[in-house]
């Protein structure tokens, strides 16, 4: 039997306010930033799984009941993955070019 963690039970303990528990029933908590979600969110299984596993493998979404990602974290994740993807593309281009075609400026 699989035991899932409900972030709404952990959030009040982390914030040091156990009286919040009853007030959290209608709220979602972002799996990435661990903050209450005030607006839009994405279900974690709707987020590109490869992107999550590649860029933040240390976060296990499978152990959390109803894992969601807030819009701000989703946007930041998209920007981060886009940056990494572009860096990898440039790196691949540099690797595939012949050494004689790469000009190196000598500052001497």
PDB file of N, CA and C in Angstrom:
ATOM      1  N   UNK A   1       0.845  -1.187   0.000  1.00  0.00           N
ATOM      2  CA  UNK A   1       0.000   0.000   0.000  1.00  0.00           C
ATOM      3  C   UNK A   1       0.885   1.245   0.000  1.00  0.00           C
ATOM      4  N   UNK A   2       0.564   2.168  -0.863  1.00  0.00           N
ATOM      5  CA  UNK A   2       1.350   3.386  -1.013  1.00  0.00           C
ATOM      6  C   UNK A   2       0.833   4.469  -0.081  1.00  0.00           C
ATOM      7  N   UNK A   3       1.731   5.111   0.627  1.00  0.00           N
ATOM      8  CA  UNK A   3       1.373   6.180   1.550  1.00  0.00           C
ATOM      9  C   UNK A   3       1.719   7.520   0.907  1.00  0.00           C
ATOM     10  N   UNK A   4       0.714   8.354   0.698  1.00  0.00           N
ATOM     11  CA  UNK A   4       0.931   9.658   0.086  1.00  0.00           C
ATOM     12  C   UNK A   4       0.874  10.754   1.142  1.00  0.00           C
ATOM     13  N   UNK A   5       1.701  11.753   0.976  1.00  0.00           N
ATOM     14  CA  UNK A   5       1.768  12.879   1.891  1.00  0.00           C
ATOM     15  C   UNK A   5       0.817  13.966   1.406  1.00  0.00           C
ATOM     16  N   UNK A   6       0.049  14.520   2.322  1.00  0.00           N
ATOM     17  CA  UNK A   6      -0.814  15.652   2.002  1.00  0.00           C
ATOM     18  C   UNK A   6      -0.097  16.919   2.479  1.00  0.00           C
ATOM     19  N   UNK A   7       0.298  17.757   1.544  1.00  0.00           N
ATOM     20  CA  UNK A   7       1.055  18.968   1.897  1.00  0.00           C
ATOM     21  C   UNK A   7       0.262  19.910   2.799  1.00  0.00           C
ATOM     22  N   UNK A   8      -1.059  19.796   2.771  1.00  0.00           N
ATOM     23  CA  UNK A   8      -1.876  20.648   3.639  1.00  0.00           C
ATOM     24  C   UNK A   8      -1.700  20.279   5.112  1.00  0.00           C
ATOM     25  N   UNK A   9      -1.200  19.076   5.390  1.00  0.00           N
ATOM     26  CA  UNK A   9      -0.913  18.684   6.771  1.00  0.00           C
ATOM     27  C   UNK A   9       0.473  19.156   7.194  1.00  0.00           C
ATOM     28  N   UNK A  10       1.402  19.235   6.254  1.00  0.00           N
ATOM     29  CA  UNK A  10       2.782  19.628   6.543  1.00  0.00           C
ATOM     30  C   UNK A  10       2.934  21.143   6.610  1.00  0.00           C
ATOM     31  N   UNK A  11       2.234  21.861   5.752  1.00  0.00           N
ATOM     32  CA  UNK A  11       2.362  23.319   5.644  1.00  0.00           C
ATOM     33  C   UNK A  11       2.217  24.041   6.991  1.00  0.00           C
ATOM     34  N   UNK A  12       1.174  23.771   7.778  1.00  0.00           N
ATOM     35  CA  UNK A  12       1.041  24.485   9.061  1.00  0.00           C
ATOM     36  C   UNK A  12       2.199  24.201  10.027  1.00  0.00           C
ATOM     37  N   UNK A  13       2.715  22.978  10.014  1.00  0.00           N
ATOM     38  CA  UNK A  13       3.830  22.638  10.894  1.00  0.00           C
ATOM     39  C   UNK A  13       5.088  23.390  10.475  1.00  0.00           C
ATOM     40  N   UNK A  14       5.308  23.504   9.175  1.00  0.00           N
ATOM     41  CA  UNK A  14       6.467  24.246   8.674  1.00  0.00           C
ATOM     42  C   UNK A  14       6.350  25.733   8.990  1.00  0.00           C
ATOM     43  N   UNK A  15       5.148  26.251   8.957  1.00  0.00           N
ATOM     44  CA  UNK A  15       4.923  27.676   9.229  1.00  0.00           C
ATOM     45  C   UNK A  15       4.799  27.962  10.721  1.00  0.00           C
ATOM     46  N   UNK A  16       4.758  26.907  11.539  1.00  0.00           N
ATOM     47  CA  UNK A  16       4.653  27.090  12.981  1.00  0.00           C
ATOM     48  C   UNK A  16       3.284  27.534  13.437  1.00  0.00           C
ATOM     49  N   UNK A  17       2.253  27.239  12.645  1.00  0.00           N
ATOM     50  CA  UNK A  17       0.898  27.649  12.985  1.00  0.00           C
ATOM     51  C   UNK A  17      -0.051  26.479  12.723  1.00  0.00           C
ATOM     52  N   UNK A  18      -0.207  25.606  13.706  1.00  0.00           N
ATOM     53  CA  UNK A  18      -1.039  24.418  13.527  1.00  0.00           C
ATOM     54  C   UNK A  18      -2.529  24.760  13.431  1.00  0.00           C
ATOM     55  N   UNK A  19      -2.915  25.983  13.729  1.00  0.00           N
ATOM     56  CA  UNK A  19      -4.316  26.389  13.609  1.00  0.00           C
ATOM     57  C   UNK A  19      -4.725  26.578  12.150  1.00  0.00           C
ATOM     58  N   UNK A  20      -3.758  26.609  11.249  1.00  0.00           N
ATOM     59  CA  UNK A  20      -4.051  26.767   9.820  1.00  0.00           C
ATOM     60  C   UNK A  20      -4.681  25.527   9.204  1.00  0.00           C
ATOM     61  N   UNK A  21      -4.531  24.372   9.805  1.00  0.00           N
ATOM     62  CA  UNK A  21      -4.942  23.104   9.218  1.00  0.00           C
ATOM     63  C   UNK A  21      -6.376  23.137   8.708  1.00  0.00           C
ATOM     64  N   UNK A  22      -7.315  23.603   9.516  1.00  0.00           N
ATOM     65  CA  UNK A  22      -8.723  23.630   9.112  1.00  0.00           C
ATOM     66  C   UNK A  22      -8.982  24.595   7.964  1.00  0.00           C
ATOM     67  N   UNK A  23      -8.215  25.660   7.873  1.00  0.00           N
ATOM     68  CA  UNK A  23      -8.416  26.681   6.844  1.00  0.00           C
ATOM     69  C   UNK A  23      -7.847  26.274   5.485  1.00  0.00           C
ATOM     70  N   UNK A  24      -7.040  25.216   5.445  1.00  0.00           N
ATOM     71  CA  UNK A  24      -6.357  24.831   4.211  1.00  0.00           C
ATOM     72  C   UNK A  24      -7.134  23.848   3.336  1.00  0.00           C
ATOM     73  N   UNK A  25      -8.267  23.392   3.782  1.00  0.00           N
ATOM     74  CA  UNK A  25      -9.002  22.370   3.030  1.00  0.00           C
ATOM     75  C   UNK A  25      -9.328  22.778   1.604  1.00  0.00           C
ATOM     76  N   UNK A  26      -9.579  24.052   1.375  1.00  0.00           N
ATOM     77  CA  UNK A  26      -9.942  24.535   0.037  1.00  0.00           C
ATOM     78  C   UNK A  26      -8.750  25.081  -0.737  1.00  0.00           C
ATOM     79  N   UNK A  27      -7.547  24.963  -0.194  1.00  0.00           N
ATOM     80  CA  UNK A  27      -6.364  25.516  -0.839  1.00  0.00           C
ATOM     81  C   UNK A  27      -5.457  24.415  -1.376  1.00  0.00           C
ATOM     82  N   UNK A  28      -4.630  24.805  -2.308  1.00  0.00           N
ATOM     83  CA  UNK A  28      -3.591  23.923  -2.850  1.00  0.00           C
ATOM     84  C   UNK A  28      -2.237  24.484  -2.416  1.00  0.00           C
ATOM     85  N   UNK A  29      -1.247  23.599  -2.337  1.00  0.00           N
ATOM     86  CA  UNK A  29       0.104  24.015  -1.979  1.00  0.00           C
ATOM     87  C   UNK A  29       1.039  23.550  -3.088  1.00  0.00           C
ATOM     88  N   UNK A  30       1.842  24.471  -3.579  1.00  0.00           N
ATOM     89  CA  UNK A  30       2.764  24.188  -4.678  1.00  0.00           C
ATOM     90  C   UNK A  30       3.820  23.185  -4.218  1.00  0.00           C
ATOM     91  N   UNK A  31       4.041  22.173  -5.029  1.00  0.00           N
ATOM     92  CA  UNK A  31       5.028  21.147  -4.701  1.00  0.00           C
ATOM     93  C   UNK A  31       6.447  21.673  -4.805  1.00  0.00           C
ATOM     94  N   UNK A  32       6.673  22.710  -5.582  1.00  0.00           N
ATOM     95  CA  UNK A  32       8.021  23.248  -5.762  1.00  0.00           C
ATOM     96  C   UNK A  32       8.392  24.284  -4.707  1.00  0.00           C
ATOM     97  N   UNK A  33       7.556  25.291  -4.514  1.00  0.00           N
ATOM     98  CA  UNK A  33       7.910  26.368  -3.582  1.00  0.00           C
ATOM     99  C   UNK A  33       7.279  26.187  -2.196  1.00  0.00           C
ATOM    100  N   UNK A  34       6.386  25.223  -2.062  1.00  0.00           N
ATOM    101  CA  UNK A  34       5.722  24.911  -0.792  1.00  0.00           C
ATOM    102  C   UNK A  34       4.973  26.120  -0.221  1.00  0.00           C
ATOM    103  N   UNK A  35       4.361  26.908  -1.105  1.00  0.00           N
ATOM    104  CA  UNK A  35       3.569  28.054  -0.685  1.00  0.00           C
ATOM    105  C   UNK A  35       2.109  27.831  -1.077  1.00  0.00           C
ATOM    106  N   UNK A  36       1.215  28.502  -0.352  1.00  0.00           N
ATOM    107  CA  UNK A  36      -0.200  28.436  -0.712  1.00  0.00           C
ATOM    108  C   UNK A  36      -0.399  29.025  -2.097  1.00  0.00           C
ATOM    109  N   UNK A  37      -1.213  28.382  -2.878  1.00  0.00           N
ATOM    110  CA  UNK A  37      -1.486  28.866  -4.230  1.00  0.00           C
ATOM    111  C   UNK A  37      -2.707  29.766  -4.175  1.00  0.00           C
ATOM    112  N   UNK A  38      -2.511  31.013  -4.576  1.00  0.00           N
ATOM    113  CA  UNK A  38      -3.581  32.004  -4.553  1.00  0.00           C
ATOM    114  C   UNK A  38      -4.314  32.098  -5.885  1.00  0.00           C
ATOM    115  N   UNK A  39      -3.644  31.685  -6.963  1.00  0.00           N
ATOM    116  CA  UNK A  39      -4.249  31.832  -8.287  1.00  0.00           C
ATOM    117  C   UNK A  39      -4.191  30.550  -9.077  1.00  0.00           C
ATOM    118  N   UNK A  40      -3.732  30.683 -10.301  1.00  0.00           N
ATOM    119  CA  UNK A  40      -3.675  29.547 -11.215  1.00  0.00           C
ATOM    120  C   UNK A  40      -2.611  28.549 -10.804  1.00  0.00           C
ATOM    121  N   UNK A  41      -2.845  27.298 -11.198  1.00  0.00           N
ATOM    122  CA  UNK A  41      -1.878  26.240 -10.942  1.00  0.00           C
ATOM    123  C   UNK A  41      -2.000  25.173 -12.018  1.00  0.00           C
ATOM    124  N   UNK A  42      -1.010  24.322 -12.082  1.00  0.00           N
ATOM    125  CA  UNK A  42      -0.995  23.194 -13.021  1.00  0.00           C
ATOM    126  C   UNK A  42      -0.914  21.915 -12.206  1.00  0.00           C
ATOM    127  N   UNK A  43      -1.622  20.898 -12.634  1.00  0.00           N
ATOM    128  CA  UNK A  43      -1.443  19.592 -12.027  1.00  0.00           C
ATOM    129  C   UNK A  43      -0.071  19.089 -12.438  1.00  0.00           C
ATOM    130  N   UNK A  44       0.656  18.510 -11.512  1.00  0.00           N
ATOM    131  CA  UNK A  44       2.039  18.103 -11.782  1.00  0.00           C
ATOM    132  C   UNK A  44       2.115  17.115 -12.936  1.00  0.00           C
ATOM    133  N   UNK A  45       1.120  16.251 -13.080  1.00  0.00           N
ATOM    134  CA  UNK A  45       1.179  15.282 -14.179  1.00  0.00           C
ATOM    135  C   UNK A  45       0.914  15.925 -15.537  1.00  0.00           C
ATOM    136  N   UNK A  46       0.437  17.177 -15.558  1.00  0.00           N
ATOM    137  CA  UNK A  46       0.247  17.906 -16.806  1.00  0.00           C
ATOM    138  C   UNK A  46       1.512  18.656 -17.229  1.00  0.00           C
ATOM    139  N   UNK A  47       2.433  18.836 -16.285  1.00  0.00           N
ATOM    140  CA  UNK A  47       3.692  19.493 -16.585  1.00  0.00           C
ATOM    141  C   UNK A  47       4.576  18.478 -17.301  1.00  0.00           C
ATOM    142  N   UNK A  48       5.346  18.947 -18.240  1.00  0.00           N
ATOM    143  CA  UNK A  48       6.206  18.077 -19.024  1.00  0.00           C
ATOM    144  C   UNK A  48       7.088  17.230 -18.096  1.00  0.00           C
ATOM    145  N   UNK A  49       6.789  15.931 -18.024  1.00  0.00           N
ATOM    146  CA  UNK A  49       7.465  15.036 -17.082  1.00  0.00           C
ATOM    147  C   UNK A  49       8.972  14.984 -17.312  1.00  0.00           C
ATOM    148  N   UNK A  50       9.397  14.971 -18.561  1.00  0.00           N
ATOM    149  CA  UNK A  50      10.831  14.938 -18.848  1.00  0.00           C
ATOM    150  C   UNK A  50      11.527  16.178 -18.304  1.00  0.00           C
ATOM    151  N   UNK A  51      10.862  17.310 -18.418  1.00  0.00           N
ATOM    152  CA  UNK A  51      11.427  18.565 -17.937  1.00  0.00           C
ATOM    153  C   UNK A  51      11.620  18.487 -16.418  1.00  0.00           C
ATOM    154  N   UNK A  52      10.637  17.983 -15.707  1.00  0.00           N
ATOM    155  CA  UNK A  52      10.736  17.885 -14.254  1.00  0.00           C
ATOM    156  C   UNK A  52      11.837  16.918 -13.837  1.00  0.00           C
ATOM    157  N   UNK A  53      11.874  15.763 -14.458  1.00  0.00           N
ATOM    158  CA  UNK A  53      12.867  14.747 -14.093  1.00  0.00           C
ATOM    159  C   UNK A  53      14.282  15.182 -14.464  1.00  0.00           C
ATOM    160  N   UNK A  54      14.407  15.920 -15.547  1.00  0.00           N
ATOM    161  CA  UNK A  54      15.730  16.333 -16.007  1.00  0.00           C
ATOM    162  C   UNK A  54      16.294  17.491 -15.183  1.00  0.00           C
ATOM    163  N   UNK A  55      15.464  18.488 -14.888  1.00  0.00           N
ATOM    164  CA  UNK A  55      15.957  19.704 -14.263  1.00  0.00           C
ATOM    165  C   UNK A  55      15.822  19.733 -12.743  1.00  0.00           C
ATOM    166  N   UNK A  56      14.888  18.968 -12.200  1.00  0.00           N
ATOM    167  CA  UNK A  56      14.757  18.898 -10.740  1.00  0.00           C
ATOM    168  C   UNK A  56      14.469  17.449 -10.319  1.00  0.00           C
ATOM    169  N   UNK A  57      15.427  16.561 -10.556  1.00  0.00           N
ATOM    170  CA  UNK A  57      15.208  15.136 -10.256  1.00  0.00           C
ATOM    171  C   UNK A  57      15.064  14.844  -8.764  1.00  0.00           C
ATOM    172  N   UNK A  58      15.517  15.741  -7.924  1.00  0.00           N
ATOM    173  CA  UNK A  58      15.451  15.500  -6.484  1.00  0.00           C
ATOM    174  C   UNK A  58      14.039  15.626  -5.918  1.00  0.00           C
ATOM    175  N   UNK A  59      13.116  16.188  -6.682  1.00  0.00           N
ATOM    176  CA  UNK A  59      11.741  16.337  -6.198  1.00  0.00           C
ATOM    177  C   UNK A  59      10.901  15.187  -6.739  1.00  0.00           C
ATOM    178  N   UNK A  60      10.368  14.407  -5.811  1.00  0.00           N
ATOM    179  CA  UNK A  60       9.543  13.260  -6.173  1.00  0.00           C
ATOM    180  C   UNK A  60       8.070  13.667  -6.080  1.00  0.00           C
ATOM    181  N   UNK A  61       7.408  13.744  -7.204  1.00  0.00           N
ATOM    182  CA  UNK A  61       6.003  14.133  -7.236  1.00  0.00           C
ATOM    183  C   UNK A  61       5.080  12.967  -6.893  1.00  0.00           C
ATOM    184  N   UNK A  62       5.600  11.757  -6.943  1.00  0.00           N
ATOM    185  CA  UNK A  62       4.780  10.573  -6.729  1.00  0.00           C
ATOM    186  C   UNK A  62       4.431  10.323  -5.269  1.00  0.00           C
ATOM    187  N   UNK A  63       5.086  10.986  -4.332  1.00  0.00           N
ATOM    188  CA  UNK A  63       4.824  10.751  -2.911  1.00  0.00           C
ATOM    189  C   UNK A  63       3.828  11.753  -2.322  1.00  0.00           C
ATOM    190  N   UNK A  64       3.382  12.700  -3.147  1.00  0.00           N
ATOM    191  CA  UNK A  64       2.488  13.750  -2.668  1.00  0.00           C
ATOM    192  C   UNK A  64       1.084  13.529  -3.210  1.00  0.00           C
ATOM    193  N   UNK A  65       0.134  13.670  -2.327  1.00  0.00           N
ATOM    194  CA  UNK A  65      -1.275  13.576  -2.706  1.00  0.00           C
ATOM    195  C   UNK A  65      -1.649  14.836  -3.476  1.00  0.00           C
ATOM    196  N   UNK A  66      -2.183  14.670  -4.676  1.00  0.00           N
ATOM    197  CA  UNK A  66      -2.638  15.797  -5.497  1.00  0.00           C
ATOM    198  C   UNK A  66      -1.535  16.837  -5.723  1.00  0.00           C
ATOM    199  N   UNK A  67      -0.385  16.444  -6.321  1.00  0.00           N
ATOM    200  CA  UNK A  67       0.707  17.406  -6.525  1.00  0.00           C
ATOM    201  C   UNK A  67       0.357  18.454  -7.587  1.00  0.00           C
ATOM    202  N   UNK A  68       0.589  19.709  -7.237  1.00  0.00           N
ATOM    203  CA  UNK A  68       0.331  20.820  -8.154  1.00  0.00           C
ATOM    204  C   UNK A  68       1.534  21.756  -8.156  1.00  0.00           C
ATOM    205  N   UNK A  69       1.623  22.558  -9.212  1.00  0.00           N
ATOM    206  CA  UNK A  69       2.685  23.549  -9.367  1.00  0.00           C
ATOM    207  C   UNK A  69       2.016  24.894  -9.612  1.00  0.00           C
ATOM    208  N   UNK A  70       2.397  25.908  -8.843  1.00  0.00           N
ATOM    209  CA  UNK A  70       1.799  27.231  -9.017  1.00  0.00           C
ATOM    210  C   UNK A  70       2.264  27.838 -10.349  1.00  0.00           C
ATOM    211  N   UNK A  71       1.530  28.821 -10.811  1.00  0.00           N
ATOM    212  CA  UNK A  71       1.834  29.454 -12.099  1.00  0.00           C
ATOM    213  C   UNK A  71       3.227  30.068 -12.097  1.00  0.00           C
ATOM    214  N   UNK A  72       3.610  30.711 -11.006  1.00  0.00           N
ATOM    215  CA  UNK A  72       4.916  31.357 -10.948  1.00  0.00           C
ATOM    216  C   UNK A  72       6.036  30.317 -11.065  1.00  0.00           C
ATOM    217  N   UNK A  73       5.942  29.218 -10.341  1.00  0.00           N
ATOM    218  CA  UNK A  73       6.972  28.165 -10.432  1.00  0.00           C
ATOM    219  C   UNK A  73       6.975  27.536 -11.823  1.00  0.00           C
ATOM    220  N   UNK A  74       5.791  27.343 -12.390  1.00  0.00           N
ATOM    221  CA  UNK A  74       5.705  26.778 -13.731  1.00  0.00           C
ATOM    222  C   UNK A  74       6.389  27.700 -14.740  1.00  0.00           C
ATOM    223  N   UNK A  75       6.143  29.003 -14.626  1.00  0.00           N
ATOM    224  CA  UNK A  75       6.788  29.970 -15.526  1.00  0.00           C
ATOM    225  C   UNK A  75       8.304  29.974 -15.339  1.00  0.00           C
ATOM    226  N   UNK A  76       8.764  29.978 -14.093  1.00  0.00           N
ATOM    227  CA  UNK A  76      10.204  29.941 -13.813  1.00  0.00           C
ATOM    228  C   UNK A  76      10.842  28.666 -14.344  1.00  0.00           C
ATOM    229  N   UNK A  77      10.134  27.551 -14.192  1.00  0.00           N
ATOM    230  CA  UNK A  77      10.632  26.277 -14.696  1.00  0.00           C
ATOM    231  C   UNK A  77      10.754  26.315 -16.215  1.00  0.00           C
ATOM    232  N   UNK A  78       9.785  26.936 -16.879  1.00  0.00           N
ATOM    233  CA  UNK A  78       9.841  27.078 -18.331  1.00  0.00           C
ATOM    234  C   UNK A  78      11.008  27.937 -18.787  1.00  0.00           C
ATOM    235  N   UNK A  79      11.236  29.041 -18.088  1.00  0.00           N
ATOM    236  CA  UNK A  79      12.369  29.921 -18.415  1.00  0.00           C
ATOM    237  C   UNK A  79      13.684  29.180 -18.188  1.00  0.00           C
ATOM    238  N   UNK A  80      13.785  28.489 -17.073  1.00  0.00           N
ATOM    239  CA  UNK A  80      15.002  27.744 -16.742  1.00  0.00           C
ATOM    240  C   UNK A  80      15.267  26.647 -17.775  1.00  0.00           C
ATOM    241  N   UNK A  81      14.244  25.886 -18.102  1.00  0.00           N
ATOM    242  CA  UNK A  81      14.441  24.792 -19.057  1.00  0.00           C
ATOM    243  C   UNK A  81      14.765  25.333 -20.452  1.00  0.00           C
ATOM    244  N   UNK A  82      14.161  26.464 -20.822  1.00  0.00           N
ATOM    245  CA  UNK A  82      14.485  27.078 -22.107  1.00  0.00           C
ATOM    246  C   UNK A  82      15.932  27.529 -22.162  1.00  0.00           C
ATOM    247  N   UNK A  83      16.413  28.113 -21.076  1.00  0.00           N
ATOM    248  CA  UNK A  83      17.810  28.549 -20.993  1.00  0.00           C
ATOM    249  C   UNK A  83      18.753  27.352 -21.098  1.00  0.00           C
ATOM    250  N   UNK A  84      18.472  26.307 -20.342  1.00  0.00           N
ATOM    251  CA  UNK A  84      19.307  25.105 -20.364  1.00  0.00           C
ATOM    252  C   UNK A  84      19.285  24.476 -21.756  1.00  0.00           C
ATOM    253  N   UNK A  85      18.109  24.414 -22.367  1.00  0.00           N
ATOM    254  CA  UNK A  85      17.985  23.829 -23.706  1.00  0.00           C
ATOM    255  C   UNK A  85      18.843  24.601 -24.712  1.00  0.00           C
ATOM    256  N   UNK A  86      18.801  25.929 -24.663  1.00  0.00           N
ATOM    257  CA  UNK A  86      19.611  26.749 -25.583  1.00  0.00           C
ATOM    258  C   UNK A  86      21.100  26.553 -25.329  1.00  0.00           C
ATOM    259  N   UNK A  87      21.488  26.472 -24.061  1.00  0.00           N
ATOM    260  CA  UNK A  87      22.899  26.231 -23.734  1.00  0.00           C
ATOM    261  C   UNK A  87      23.359  24.889 -24.292  1.00  0.00           C
ATOM    262  N   UNK A  88      22.536  23.879 -24.152  1.00  0.00           N
ATOM    263  CA  UNK A  88      22.889  22.551 -24.664  1.00  0.00           C
ATOM    264  C   UNK A  88      22.977  22.547 -26.190  1.00  0.00           C
ATOM    265  N   UNK A  89      22.110  23.310 -26.850  1.00  0.00           N
ATOM    266  CA  UNK A  89      22.165  23.409 -28.310  1.00  0.00           C
ATOM    267  C   UNK A  89      23.468  24.063 -28.758  1.00  0.00           C
ATOM    268  N   UNK A  90      23.869  25.144 -28.090  1.00  0.00           N
ATOM    269  CA  UNK A  90      25.122  25.826 -28.417  1.00  0.00           C
ATOM    270  C   UNK A  90      26.299  24.893 -28.169  1.00  0.00           C
ATOM    271  N   UNK A  91      26.274  24.199 -27.047  1.00  0.00           N
ATOM    272  CA  UNK A  91      27.343  23.260 -26.727  1.00  0.00           C
ATOM    273  C   UNK A  91      27.443  22.172 -27.798  1.00  0.00           C
ATOM    274  N   UNK A  92      26.316  21.654 -28.230  1.00  0.00           N
ATOM    275  CA  UNK A  92      26.310  20.611 -29.263  1.00  0.00           C
ATOM    276  C   UNK A  92      26.874  21.146 -30.579  1.00  0.00           C
ATOM    277  N   UNK A  93      26.531  22.380 -30.938  1.00  0.00           N
ATOM    278  CA  UNK A  93      27.075  22.985 -32.154  1.00  0.00           C
ATOM    279  C   UNK A  93      28.590  23.126 -32.057  1.00  0.00           C
ATOM    280  N   UNK A  94      29.073  23.542 -30.906  1.00  0.00           N
ATOM    281  CA  UNK A  94      30.514  23.694 -30.724  1.00  0.00           C
ATOM    282  C   UNK A  94      31.233  22.346 -30.803  1.00  0.00           C
ATOM    283  N   UNK A  95      30.637  21.335 -30.244  1.00  0.00           N
ATOM    284  CA  UNK A  95      31.242  20.006 -30.259  1.00  0.00           C
ATOM    285  C   UNK A  95      31.282  19.422 -31.669  1.00  0.00           C
ATOM    286  N   UNK A  96      30.226  19.659 -32.447  1.00  0.00           N
ATOM    287  CA  UNK A  96      30.146  19.061 -33.777  1.00  0.00           C
ATOM    288  C   UNK A  96      30.954  19.807 -34.827  1.00  0.00           C
ATOM    289  N   UNK A  97      31.344  21.051 -34.540  1.00  0.00           N
ATOM    290  CA  UNK A  97      32.166  21.786 -35.505  1.00  0.00           C
ATOM    291  C   UNK A  97      33.583  21.241 -35.498  1.00  0.00           C
ATOM    292  N   UNK A  98      34.187  21.285 -36.666  1.00  0.00           N
ATOM    293  CA  UNK A  98      35.586  20.865 -36.757  1.00  0.00           C
ATOM    294  C   UNK A  98      36.454  21.898 -36.058  1.00  0.00           C
ATOM    295  N   UNK A  99      37.497  21.462 -35.370  1.00  0.00           N
ATOM    296  CA  UNK A  99      38.368  22.423 -34.659  1.00  0.00           C
ATOM    297  C   UNK A  99      38.950  23.510 -35.559  1.00  0.00           C
ATOM    298  N   UNK A 100      39.203  23.202 -36.810  1.00  0.00           N
ATOM    299  CA  UNK A 100      39.789  24.203 -37.710  1.00  0.00           C
ATOM    300  C   UNK A 100      38.803  25.310 -38.080  1.00  0.00           C
ATOM    301  N   UNK A 101      37.496  25.057 -37.916  1.00  0.00           N
ATOM    302  CA  UNK A 101      36.520  26.068 -38.276  1.00  0.00           C
ATOM    303  C   UNK A 101      36.197  27.022 -37.115  1.00  0.00           C
ATOM    304  N   UNK A 102      36.672  26.678 -35.942  1.00  0.00           N
ATOM    305  CA  UNK A 102      36.433  27.545 -34.781  1.00  0.00           C
ATOM    306  C   UNK A 102      37.596  28.518 -34.674  1.00  0.00           C
ATOM    307  N   UNK A 103      37.278  29.797 -34.754  1.00  0.00           N
ATOM    308  CA  UNK A 103      38.346  30.785 -34.646  1.00  0.00           C
ATOM    309  C   UNK A 103      38.469  31.218 -33.184  1.00  0.00           C
ATOM    310  N   UNK A 104      39.684  31.225 -32.723  1.00  0.00           N
ATOM    311  CA  UNK A 104      39.964  31.634 -31.351  1.00  0.00           C
ATOM    312  C   UNK A 104      40.749  32.925 -31.424  1.00  0.00           C
ATOM    313  N   UNK A 105      40.286  33.912 -30.715  1.00  0.00           N
ATOM    314  CA  UNK A 105      40.986  35.199 -30.707  1.00  0.00           C
ATOM    315  C   UNK A 105      42.080  35.131 -29.657  1.00  0.00           C
ATOM    316  N   UNK A 106      43.241  35.541 -30.072  1.00  0.00           N
ATOM    317  CA  UNK A 106      44.381  35.566 -29.159  1.00  0.00           C
ATOM    318  C   UNK A 106      44.551  37.001 -28.684  1.00  0.00           C
ATOM    319  N   UNK A 107      44.541  37.187 -27.380  1.00  0.00           N
ATOM    320  CA  UNK A 107      44.616  38.558 -26.840  1.00  0.00           C
ATOM    321  C   UNK A 107      46.047  39.020 -26.614  1.00  0.00           C
ATOM    322  N   UNK A 108      47.024  38.295 -27.109  1.00  0.00           N
ATOM    323  CA  UNK A 108      48.418  38.685 -26.898  1.00  0.00           C
ATOM    324  C   UNK A 108      48.827  39.781 -27.838  1.00  0.00           C
TER     325      UNK A 108
END
